[in-house]
Amino acid sequence: MPEILIDPESRALGERFALVRSRRRDRPRFHTGCVTPVADAASALVGADPGRHLYPALVYGPSSSSEGQQVWYLVRWLDT
């Protein structure tokens, strides 16, 4: 997993629990359309549905990529 530079003074970026839709779990970042922030870890775990490629995670973002896209960085999967 890549090292994520975290700005502790940022008001826009932060760690959040989320459901991430992805066929591959080896990716370090995800487009904002694939990430649904949720209230807490329990909500992420309850909302997970591996059959639909929907996994609980702790993510950091959203951040603008060099391609001009909004992305979230994976901090860790909650179910592994």
Protein backbone atom coordinates (compact mmCIF):
# COMPACT_ATOMS: atom_id res chain seq x y z
CA MET A 1 0.00 0.00 0.00
CA PRO A 2 1.41 3.45 -0.85
CA GLU A 3 2.28 5.90 1.88
CA ILE A 4 -0.33 8.62 2.15
CA LEU A 5 0.72 12.14 3.07
CA ILE A 6 -1.86 13.42 5.53
CA ASP A 7 -2.29 17.11 6.24
CA PRO A 8 -3.51 17.33 9.86
CA GLU A 9 -4.66 20.93 9.33
CA SER A 10 -6.79 20.18 6.28
CA ARG A 11 -10.51 20.82 6.65
CA ALA A 12 -11.44 19.21 3.32
CA LEU A 13 -9.48 15.95 3.52
CA GLY A 14 -9.82 13.31 6.18
CA GLU A 15 -10.16 9.67 7.07
CA ARG A 16 -13.65 8.30 6.67
CA PHE A 17 -15.32 4.92 6.85
CA ALA A 18 -16.82 3.94 3.53
CA LEU A 19 -18.15 1.29 1.23
CA VAL A 20 -15.91 0.86 -1.81
CA ARG A 21 -17.17 -0.72 -5.03
CA SER A 22 -14.30 -2.46 -6.80
CA ARG A 23 -13.60 -5.73 -8.56
CA ARG A 24 -9.93 -5.52 -7.55
CA ARG A 25 -8.86 -5.04 -3.95
CA ASP A 26 -5.18 -4.45 -4.71
CA ARG A 27 -5.67 -0.83 -5.83
CA PRO A 28 -4.32 2.04 -3.70
CA ARG A 29 -6.92 4.62 -4.75
CA PHE A 30 -10.49 4.79 -6.00
CA HIS A 31 -12.51 7.29 -8.04
CA THR A 32 -15.05 9.18 -5.97
CA GLY A 33 -17.88 7.43 -7.86
CA CYS A 34 -16.78 4.12 -6.32
CA VAL A 35 -16.74 5.37 -2.72
CA THR A 36 -19.75 5.90 -0.46
CA PRO A 37 -18.84 7.44 2.91
CA VAL A 38 -20.78 6.04 5.89
CA ALA A 39 -21.17 7.10 9.52
CA ASP A 40 -18.91 4.53 11.20
CA ALA A 41 -17.09 1.21 10.90
CA ALA A 42 -20.18 -0.78 11.92
CA SER A 43 -22.20 0.79 9.10
CA ALA A 44 -19.48 -0.06 6.62
CA LEU A 45 -19.32 -3.66 7.79
CA VAL A 46 -23.12 -4.08 7.70
CA GLY A 47 -23.37 -2.53 4.22
CA ALA A 48 -20.69 -4.75 2.68
CA ASP A 49 -21.79 -7.06 -0.13
CA PRO A 50 -18.90 -9.00 -1.72
CA GLY A 51 -21.32 -10.44 -4.29
CA ARG A 52 -21.76 -6.91 -5.62
CA HIS A 53 -18.04 -6.05 -5.15
CA LEU A 54 -18.89 -3.68 -2.28
CA TYR A 55 -16.31 -3.72 0.54
CA PRO A 56 -15.92 -1.88 3.87
CA ALA A 57 -12.85 0.33 4.18
CA LEU A 58 -11.18 3.26 5.86
CA VAL A 59 -10.29 5.80 3.18
CA TYR A 60 -8.62 9.22 3.01
CA GLY A 61 -9.78 12.06 0.80
CA PRO A 62 -11.29 13.17 -1.40
CA SER A 63 -8.26 14.53 -3.17
CA SER A 64 -7.64 15.83 -6.68
CA SER A 65 -5.42 13.53 -8.72
CA SER A 66 -2.88 14.68 -11.28
CA GLU A 67 -5.47 13.77 -13.95
CA GLY A 68 -8.00 16.18 -12.42
CA GLN A 69 -10.20 13.44 -10.93
CA GLN A 70 -11.48 13.27 -7.36
CA VAL A 71 -10.01 10.19 -5.68
CA TRP A 72 -10.00 8.50 -2.29
CA TYR A 73 -6.92 6.68 -1.00
CA LEU A 74 -7.28 3.34 0.74
CA VAL A 75 -5.99 3.39 4.32
CA ARG A 76 -7.11 -0.18 5.07
CA TRP A 77 -9.83 -2.72 4.40
CA LEU A 78 -12.03 -3.35 7.43
CA ASP A 79 -12.83 -6.99 6.70
CA THR A 80 -9.32 -8.42 6.42
